Amino acid sequence: MGREASFELNCSDFSGSVTDFIKILNSLGWSYYDSLVLYYRDTEHGVTLLAADISEILIIPNINRKTLDDDHDSMTDVSWYAERLFQKLLWYDCGMTNFQFEEYED
């Protein structure tokens, strides 16, 4: 049994490309590793980024997902990701009109 989570962003008001969006994430401390896998600064926490275009960005916290009690089967610590991703993206005025979080147990 485990949990899977995802964040879906709509940044359709952003005038840049997906590549520009990734550059913003890099300036926020998210380092590009490979295959659009990003790690946050000097942590082991990473995400997979999938984007068809800037209006449909899927961020999957599937690499050492940050949880509420450091148990892999625990709920995702949404505030950790909100602080390091979404709040800062709003400061950069990335055109985010909304984001949605989903989590389910398999």
C-alpha atoms as a PDB file:
ATOM      1  CA  MET A   1       0.000   0.000   0.000  1.00  0.00           C
ATOM      2  CA  GLY A   2       1.257   3.490  -0.777  1.00  0.00           C
ATOM      3  CA  ARG A   3       0.202   6.963  -1.676  1.00  0.00           C
ATOM      4  CA  GLU A   4       0.555   8.922  -4.858  1.00  0.00           C
ATOM      5  CA  ALA A   5       0.137  12.661  -5.182  1.00  0.00           C
ATOM      6  CA  SER A   6       0.110  15.276  -7.902  1.00  0.00           C
ATOM      7  CA  PHE A   7      -0.252  19.011  -8.370  1.00  0.00           C
ATOM      8  CA  GLU A   8      -1.822  20.363 -11.539  1.00  0.00           C
ATOM      9  CA  LEU A   9      -1.102  23.975 -12.456  1.00  0.00           C
ATOM     10  CA  ASN A  10      -2.617  26.262 -15.025  1.00  0.00           C
ATOM     11  CA  CYS A  11      -0.203  29.069 -15.897  1.00  0.00           C
ATOM     12  CA  SER A  12      -1.942  30.163 -19.078  1.00  0.00           C
ATOM     13  CA  ASP A  13      -1.411  33.838 -18.206  1.00  0.00           C
ATOM     14  CA  PHE A  14       2.370  33.315 -18.284  1.00  0.00           C
ATOM     15  CA  SER A  15       3.904  34.802 -21.409  1.00  0.00           C
ATOM     16  CA  GLY A  16       6.843  32.388 -21.483  1.00  0.00           C
ATOM     17  CA  SER A  17       7.314  28.791 -22.571  1.00  0.00           C
ATOM     18  CA  VAL A  18       7.608  25.595 -20.549  1.00  0.00           C
ATOM     19  CA  THR A  19      11.392  26.034 -20.781  1.00  0.00           C
ATOM     20  CA  ASP A  20      11.052  29.517 -19.267  1.00  0.00           C
ATOM     21  CA  PHE A  21       8.909  28.037 -16.500  1.00  0.00           C
ATOM     22  CA  ILE A  22      11.621  25.464 -15.722  1.00  0.00           C
ATOM     23  CA  LYS A  23      14.190  28.285 -15.582  1.00  0.00           C
ATOM     24  CA  ILE A  24      12.018  30.016 -12.963  1.00  0.00           C
ATOM     25  CA  LEU A  25      11.869  26.790 -10.931  1.00  0.00           C
ATOM     26  CA  ASN A  26      15.656  26.594 -11.160  1.00  0.00           C
ATOM     27  CA  SER A  27      15.969  30.133  -9.790  1.00  0.00           C
ATOM     28  CA  LEU A  28      13.689  29.072  -6.899  1.00  0.00           C
ATOM     29  CA  GLY A  29      16.090  26.307  -5.863  1.00  0.00           C
ATOM     30  CA  TRP A  30      14.789  23.403  -7.946  1.00  0.00           C
ATOM     31  CA  SER A  31      17.694  21.860  -9.825  1.00  0.00           C
ATOM     32  CA  TYR A  32      17.158  20.042 -13.097  1.00  0.00           C
ATOM     33  CA  TYR A  33      18.543  16.502 -12.941  1.00  0.00           C
ATOM     34  CA  ASP A  34      17.343  14.613 -16.022  1.00  0.00           C
ATOM     35  CA  SER A  35      14.129  13.722 -17.895  1.00  0.00           C
ATOM     36  CA  LEU A  36      12.491  16.839 -16.272  1.00  0.00           C
ATOM     37  CA  VAL A  37      13.222  15.502 -12.765  1.00  0.00           C
ATOM     38  CA  LEU A  38      13.860  18.365 -10.329  1.00  0.00           C
ATOM     39  CA  TYR A  39      15.341  18.256  -6.817  1.00  0.00           C
ATOM     40  CA  TYR A  40      14.978  20.966  -4.205  1.00  0.00           C
ATOM     41  CA  ARG A  41      18.315  22.477  -3.196  1.00  0.00           C
ATOM     42  CA  ASP A  42      20.379  20.133  -1.039  1.00  0.00           C
ATOM     43  CA  THR A  43      17.541  17.771  -0.185  1.00  0.00           C
ATOM     44  CA  GLU A  44      16.591  14.334  -1.418  1.00  0.00           C
ATOM     45  CA  HIS A  45      13.067  15.584  -2.243  1.00  0.00           C
ATOM     46  CA  GLY A  46      12.285  15.712  -5.936  1.00  0.00           C
ATOM     47  CA  VAL A  47       9.456  16.030  -8.393  1.00  0.00           C
ATOM     48  CA  THR A  48       8.715  14.934 -11.911  1.00  0.00           C
ATOM     49  CA  LEU A  49       7.431  17.692 -14.145  1.00  0.00           C
ATOM     50  CA  LEU A  50       5.162  16.905 -17.090  1.00  0.00           C
ATOM     51  CA  ALA A  51       3.867  19.653 -19.332  1.00  0.00           C
ATOM     52  CA  ALA A  52       2.189  19.594 -22.715  1.00  0.00           C
ATOM     53  CA  ASP A  53       2.131  23.377 -22.611  1.00  0.00           C
ATOM     54  CA  ILE A  54       2.126  26.141 -20.016  1.00  0.00           C
ATOM     55  CA  SER A  55      -1.594  25.736 -19.323  1.00  0.00           C
ATOM     56  CA  GLU A  56      -1.262  22.095 -18.249  1.00  0.00           C
ATOM     57  CA  ILE A  57       1.645  21.513 -15.895  1.00  0.00           C
ATOM     58  CA  LEU A  58       1.691  18.393 -13.764  1.00  0.00           C
ATOM     59  CA  ILE A  59       4.105  18.249 -10.844  1.00  0.00           C
ATOM     60  CA  ILE A  60       4.395  14.826  -9.241  1.00  0.00           C
ATOM     61  CA  PRO A  61       6.189  14.665  -5.879  1.00  0.00           C
ATOM     62  CA  ASN A  62       7.347  11.105  -6.448  1.00  0.00           C
ATOM     63  CA  ILE A  63      10.998  11.274  -5.434  1.00  0.00           C
ATOM     64  CA  ASN A  64      11.326  10.909  -1.675  1.00  0.00           C
ATOM     65  CA  ARG A  65       7.918  12.605  -1.291  1.00  0.00           C
ATOM     66  CA  LYS A  66       7.820  14.946   1.707  1.00  0.00           C
ATOM     67  CA  THR A  67       5.204  13.619   4.117  1.00  0.00           C
ATOM     68  CA  LEU A  68       3.640  14.869   7.332  1.00  0.00           C
ATOM     69  CA  ASP A  69       5.411  12.361   9.569  1.00  0.00           C
ATOM     70  CA  ASP A  70       8.334  11.120   7.430  1.00  0.00           C
ATOM     71  CA  ASP A  71       6.550   7.814   6.773  1.00  0.00           C
ATOM     72  CA  HIS A  72       6.327   6.992   3.055  1.00  0.00           C
ATOM     73  CA  ASP A  73       2.698   5.884   3.497  1.00  0.00           C
ATOM     74  CA  SER A  74       1.718   9.095   5.278  1.00  0.00           C
ATOM     75  CA  MET A  75      -0.091  12.024   3.678  1.00  0.00           C
ATOM     76  CA  THR A  76       1.888  14.469   1.557  1.00  0.00           C
ATOM     77  CA  ASP A  77       3.081  17.600   3.337  1.00  0.00           C
ATOM     78  CA  VAL A  78       1.322  19.995   0.977  1.00  0.00           C
ATOM     79  CA  SER A  79       2.551  23.046   2.899  1.00  0.00           C
ATOM     80  CA  TRP A  80       6.187  22.048   2.225  1.00  0.00           C
ATOM     81  CA  TYR A  81       5.530  22.069  -1.540  1.00  0.00           C
ATOM     82  CA  ALA A  82       3.336  25.172  -1.352  1.00  0.00           C
ATOM     83  CA  GLU A  83       6.103  27.120   0.395  1.00  0.00           C
ATOM     84  CA  ARG A  84       8.856  26.013  -1.984  1.00  0.00           C
ATOM     85  CA  LEU A  85       6.884  26.023  -5.226  1.00  0.00           C
ATOM     86  CA  PHE A  86       3.518  27.724  -5.473  1.00  0.00           C
ATOM     87  CA  GLN A  87       3.988  30.669  -3.137  1.00  0.00           C
ATOM     88  CA  LYS A  88       7.262  31.552  -4.858  1.00  0.00           C
ATOM     89  CA  LEU A  89       5.772  31.065  -8.320  1.00  0.00           C
ATOM     90  CA  LEU A  90       3.114  33.613  -7.406  1.00  0.00           C
ATOM     91  CA  TRP A  91       5.878  36.065  -6.395  1.00  0.00           C
ATOM     92  CA  TYR A  92       7.430  35.575  -9.833  1.00  0.00           C
ATOM     93  CA  ASP A  93       4.072  36.289 -11.440  1.00  0.00           C
ATOM     94  CA  CYS A  94       4.158  33.117 -13.507  1.00  0.00           C
ATOM     95  CA  GLY A  95       0.557  33.565 -14.590  1.00  0.00           C
ATOM     96  CA  MET A  96      -0.767  30.795 -12.356  1.00  0.00           C
ATOM     97  CA  THR A  97      -4.527  31.048 -12.416  1.00  0.00           C
ATOM     98  CA  ASN A  98      -5.108  27.953 -10.277  1.00  0.00           C
ATOM     99  CA  PHE A  99      -3.575  24.766  -8.969  1.00  0.00           C
ATOM    100  CA  GLN A 100      -5.098  21.542  -7.791  1.00  0.00           C
ATOM    101  CA  PHE A 101      -3.731  18.885  -5.458  1.00  0.00           C
ATOM    102  CA  GLU A 102      -4.761  15.243  -5.581  1.00  0.00           C
ATOM    103  CA  GLU A 103      -3.650  12.330  -3.465  1.00  0.00           C
ATOM    104  CA  TYR A 104      -4.822   8.790  -3.373  1.00  0.00           C
ATOM    105  CA  GLU A 105      -3.910   5.569  -1.671  1.00  0.00           C
ATOM    106  CA  ASP A 106      -3.328   2.527  -3.817  1.00  0.00           C
END
